[in-house]
Amino acid sequence: MAENSSIKDRVLKALERVRPYLQSDGGDIEFIEVSDDMTVKVKLTGACNGCPYSMQTLKAGVEQAIMKEVPEIKRVISA
């Protein structure tokens, strides 16, 4: 489980890097969990919640940033 908390810390660090871009558009992101199968679950909030481009933002922006920082992660999904 110690390894999982290290992964969580690295995911949170990656989210902090993308957060300013989301906030500049009136949105934000909330970390939910890292599952045992290395899936990160997040929730887009603010203007990002319900935006037609939110899935593109999630996949092209957030997922790429997390997977670059934490290669063990397999995918990022929206809660």
N, C-alpha and C. Protein backbone atom coordinates (compact mmCIF):
# COMPACT_ATOMS: atom_id res chain seq x y z
N MET A 1 0.82 -1.21 0.00
CA MET A 1 0.00 0.00 0.00
C MET A 1 0.86 1.27 0.00
N ALA A 2 2.08 1.16 0.54
CA ALA A 2 2.98 2.31 0.54
C ALA A 2 3.30 2.74 -0.89
N GLU A 3 3.44 1.75 -1.78
CA GLU A 3 3.68 2.06 -3.18
C GLU A 3 2.49 2.82 -3.76
N ASN A 4 1.28 2.41 -3.39
CA ASN A 4 0.08 3.07 -3.89
C ASN A 4 0.00 4.52 -3.42
N SER A 5 0.43 4.81 -2.19
CA SER A 5 0.37 6.20 -1.73
C SER A 5 1.42 7.04 -2.45
N SER A 6 2.56 6.43 -2.81
CA SER A 6 3.56 7.13 -3.60
C SER A 6 2.99 7.47 -4.98
N ILE A 7 2.28 6.53 -5.56
CA ILE A 7 1.63 6.77 -6.86
C ILE A 7 0.61 7.87 -6.72
N LYS A 8 -0.19 7.81 -5.66
CA LYS A 8 -1.20 8.85 -5.42
C LYS A 8 -0.53 10.22 -5.30
N ASP A 9 0.57 10.30 -4.56
CA ASP A 9 1.27 11.58 -4.41
C ASP A 9 1.76 12.11 -5.75
N ARG A 10 2.27 11.21 -6.59
CA ARG A 10 2.75 11.62 -7.91
C ARG A 10 1.60 12.05 -8.82
N VAL A 11 0.45 11.37 -8.71
CA VAL A 11 -0.73 11.77 -9.48
C VAL A 11 -1.19 13.16 -9.04
N LEU A 12 -1.23 13.38 -7.73
CA LEU A 12 -1.65 14.69 -7.23
C LEU A 12 -0.71 15.79 -7.71
N LYS A 13 0.57 15.48 -7.77
CA LYS A 13 1.56 16.44 -8.27
C LYS A 13 1.29 16.76 -9.75
N ALA A 14 0.97 15.74 -10.53
CA ALA A 14 0.65 15.96 -11.95
C ALA A 14 -0.62 16.79 -12.09
N LEU A 15 -1.60 16.53 -11.25
CA LEU A 15 -2.84 17.32 -11.30
C LEU A 15 -2.58 18.79 -10.97
N GLU A 16 -1.66 19.03 -10.04
CA GLU A 16 -1.32 20.42 -9.70
C GLU A 16 -0.71 21.14 -10.90
N ARG A 17 -0.04 20.41 -11.78
CA ARG A 17 0.54 21.02 -12.97
C ARG A 17 -0.53 21.41 -14.00
N VAL A 18 -1.60 20.63 -14.11
CA VAL A 18 -2.64 20.94 -15.10
C VAL A 18 -3.74 21.84 -14.55
N ARG A 19 -3.84 21.90 -13.23
CA ARG A 19 -4.91 22.68 -12.60
C ARG A 19 -4.96 24.14 -13.08
N PRO A 20 -3.83 24.86 -13.18
CA PRO A 20 -3.90 26.27 -13.63
C PRO A 20 -4.54 26.44 -15.01
N TYR A 21 -4.33 25.48 -15.91
CA TYR A 21 -4.92 25.56 -17.25
C TYR A 21 -6.44 25.41 -17.16
N LEU A 22 -6.88 24.49 -16.31
CA LEU A 22 -8.32 24.31 -16.14
C LEU A 22 -8.94 25.53 -15.46
N GLN A 23 -8.26 26.06 -14.46
CA GLN A 23 -8.78 27.21 -13.74
C GLN A 23 -8.83 28.45 -14.61
N SER A 24 -7.92 28.55 -15.58
CA SER A 24 -7.93 29.72 -16.47
C SER A 24 -9.19 29.75 -17.33
N ASP A 25 -9.83 28.58 -17.50
CA ASP A 25 -11.09 28.51 -18.24
C ASP A 25 -12.29 28.41 -17.31
N GLY A 26 -12.09 28.66 -16.02
CA GLY A 26 -13.20 28.64 -15.06
C GLY A 26 -13.52 27.27 -14.51
N GLY A 27 -12.65 26.30 -14.74
CA GLY A 27 -12.89 24.95 -14.24
C GLY A 27 -11.88 24.54 -13.19
N ASP A 28 -11.97 23.29 -12.80
CA ASP A 28 -11.01 22.73 -11.85
C ASP A 28 -11.11 21.21 -11.93
N ILE A 29 -10.28 20.54 -11.16
CA ILE A 29 -10.29 19.08 -11.16
C ILE A 29 -10.14 18.59 -9.74
N GLU A 30 -10.85 17.52 -9.44
CA GLU A 30 -10.83 16.94 -8.10
C GLU A 30 -10.37 15.49 -8.22
N PHE A 31 -9.37 15.12 -7.44
CA PHE A 31 -8.89 13.75 -7.41
C PHE A 31 -9.86 12.89 -6.60
N ILE A 32 -10.22 11.72 -7.14
CA ILE A 32 -11.10 10.80 -6.42
C ILE A 32 -10.31 9.61 -5.89
N GLU A 33 -9.66 8.86 -6.77
CA GLU A 33 -8.90 7.69 -6.32
C GLU A 33 -8.00 7.14 -7.41
N VAL A 34 -7.07 6.28 -6.97
CA VAL A 34 -6.31 5.41 -7.87
C VAL A 34 -6.75 4.01 -7.53
N SER A 35 -7.31 3.29 -8.50
CA SER A 35 -7.80 1.94 -8.24
C SER A 35 -6.66 0.93 -8.33
N ASP A 36 -6.94 -0.30 -7.91
CA ASP A 36 -5.93 -1.37 -7.94
C ASP A 36 -5.44 -1.68 -9.34
N ASP A 37 -6.28 -1.41 -10.36
CA ASP A 37 -5.87 -1.67 -11.74
C ASP A 37 -5.19 -0.46 -12.38
N MET A 38 -4.74 0.49 -11.53
CA MET A 38 -3.99 1.67 -11.96
C MET A 38 -4.81 2.61 -12.84
N THR A 39 -6.09 2.71 -12.52
CA THR A 39 -6.97 3.68 -13.15
C THR A 39 -7.15 4.86 -12.19
N VAL A 40 -6.94 6.06 -12.69
CA VAL A 40 -7.15 7.26 -11.89
C VAL A 40 -8.56 7.76 -12.16
N LYS A 41 -9.29 8.03 -11.09
CA LYS A 41 -10.63 8.58 -11.22
C LYS A 41 -10.59 10.03 -10.72
N VAL A 42 -11.06 10.94 -11.58
CA VAL A 42 -11.09 12.36 -11.25
C VAL A 42 -12.47 12.91 -11.56
N LYS A 43 -12.73 14.10 -11.03
CA LYS A 43 -13.99 14.78 -11.32
C LYS A 43 -13.66 16.19 -11.81
N LEU A 44 -14.13 16.50 -13.01
CA LEU A 44 -13.99 17.86 -13.52
C LEU A 44 -15.09 18.71 -12.91
N THR A 45 -14.73 19.89 -12.43
CA THR A 45 -15.70 20.75 -11.75
C THR A 45 -15.71 22.14 -12.39
N GLY A 46 -16.60 22.98 -11.91
CA GLY A 46 -16.71 24.34 -12.43
C GLY A 46 -17.16 24.32 -13.88
N ALA A 47 -16.56 25.18 -14.68
CA ALA A 47 -16.92 25.28 -16.10
C ALA A 47 -16.61 24.00 -16.86
N CYS A 48 -15.67 23.19 -16.35
CA CYS A 48 -15.31 21.94 -17.03
C CYS A 48 -16.42 20.88 -16.90
N ASN A 49 -17.21 20.96 -15.85
CA ASN A 49 -18.27 20.00 -15.63
C ASN A 49 -19.39 20.24 -16.65
N GLY A 50 -19.58 19.28 -17.53
CA GLY A 50 -20.63 19.41 -18.53
C GLY A 50 -20.21 20.12 -19.81
N CYS A 51 -18.98 20.60 -19.86
CA CYS A 51 -18.49 21.25 -21.08
C CYS A 51 -18.39 20.22 -22.20
N PRO A 52 -18.78 20.59 -23.42
CA PRO A 52 -18.71 19.63 -24.53
C PRO A 52 -17.28 19.13 -24.80
N TYR A 53 -16.29 19.88 -24.38
CA TYR A 53 -14.90 19.48 -24.61
C TYR A 53 -14.27 18.79 -23.41
N SER A 54 -15.06 18.51 -22.39
CA SER A 54 -14.49 17.96 -21.15
C SER A 54 -13.82 16.61 -21.35
N MET A 55 -14.37 15.74 -22.19
CA MET A 55 -13.75 14.43 -22.40
C MET A 55 -12.44 14.59 -23.16
N GLN A 56 -12.40 15.53 -24.10
CA GLN A 56 -11.16 15.80 -24.83
C GLN A 56 -10.11 16.36 -23.86
N THR A 57 -10.52 17.26 -22.99
CA THR A 57 -9.62 17.81 -21.98
C THR A 57 -9.09 16.70 -21.08
N LEU A 58 -10.00 15.81 -20.68
CA LEU A 58 -9.62 14.72 -19.80
C LEU A 58 -8.60 13.80 -20.46
N LYS A 59 -8.85 13.41 -21.69
CA LYS A 59 -7.97 12.46 -22.38
C LYS A 59 -6.69 13.12 -22.89
N ALA A 60 -6.81 14.22 -23.59
CA ALA A 60 -5.65 14.84 -24.23
C ALA A 60 -4.80 15.65 -23.24
N GLY A 61 -5.44 16.20 -22.23
CA GLY A 61 -4.69 17.04 -21.29
C GLY A 61 -4.34 16.33 -20.01
N VAL A 62 -5.36 16.01 -19.24
CA VAL A 62 -5.16 15.45 -17.91
C VAL A 62 -4.52 14.06 -17.97
N GLU A 63 -5.08 13.17 -18.79
CA GLU A 63 -4.55 11.81 -18.86
C GLU A 63 -3.09 11.81 -19.33
N GLN A 64 -2.79 12.59 -20.35
CA GLN A 64 -1.42 12.63 -20.86
C GLN A 64 -0.45 13.16 -19.79
N ALA A 65 -0.86 14.19 -19.07
CA ALA A 65 0.01 14.76 -18.03
C ALA A 65 0.26 13.75 -16.91
N ILE A 66 -0.79 13.05 -16.50
CA ILE A 66 -0.64 12.06 -15.43
C ILE A 66 0.23 10.90 -15.89
N MET A 67 -0.02 10.38 -17.09
CA MET A 67 0.71 9.22 -17.57
C MET A 67 2.18 9.56 -17.84
N LYS A 68 2.47 10.80 -18.18
CA LYS A 68 3.86 11.22 -18.36
C LYS A 68 4.58 11.23 -17.01
N GLU A 69 3.90 11.73 -16.00
CA GLU A 69 4.47 11.82 -14.66
C GLU A 69 4.50 10.47 -13.94
N VAL A 70 3.46 9.66 -14.19
CA VAL A 70 3.30 8.38 -13.49
C VAL A 70 3.02 7.28 -14.52
N PRO A 71 4.08 6.73 -15.14
CA PRO A 71 3.89 5.76 -16.23
C PRO A 71 3.13 4.49 -15.83
N GLU A 72 3.05 4.21 -14.53
CA GLU A 72 2.31 3.02 -14.07
C GLU A 72 0.81 3.14 -14.31
N ILE A 73 0.32 4.38 -14.44
CA ILE A 73 -1.12 4.59 -14.63
C ILE A 73 -1.52 4.13 -16.01
N LYS A 74 -2.64 3.38 -16.07
CA LYS A 74 -3.13 2.82 -17.33
C LYS A 74 -4.13 3.74 -18.03
N ARG A 75 -4.96 4.43 -17.24
CA ARG A 75 -5.96 5.32 -17.84
C ARG A 75 -6.51 6.26 -16.80
N VAL A 76 -7.17 7.31 -17.27
CA VAL A 76 -7.82 8.29 -16.41
C VAL A 76 -9.28 8.37 -16.83
N ILE A 77 -10.16 8.26 -15.86
CA ILE A 77 -11.60 8.32 -16.15
C ILE A 77 -12.26 9.41 -15.30
N SER A 78 -13.42 9.82 -15.75
CA SER A 78 -14.20 10.82 -15.05
C SER A 78 -15.16 10.13 -14.09
N ALA A 79 -15.26 10.66 -12.89
CA ALA A 79 -16.17 10.07 -11.89
C ALA A 79 -17.60 10.45 -12.19
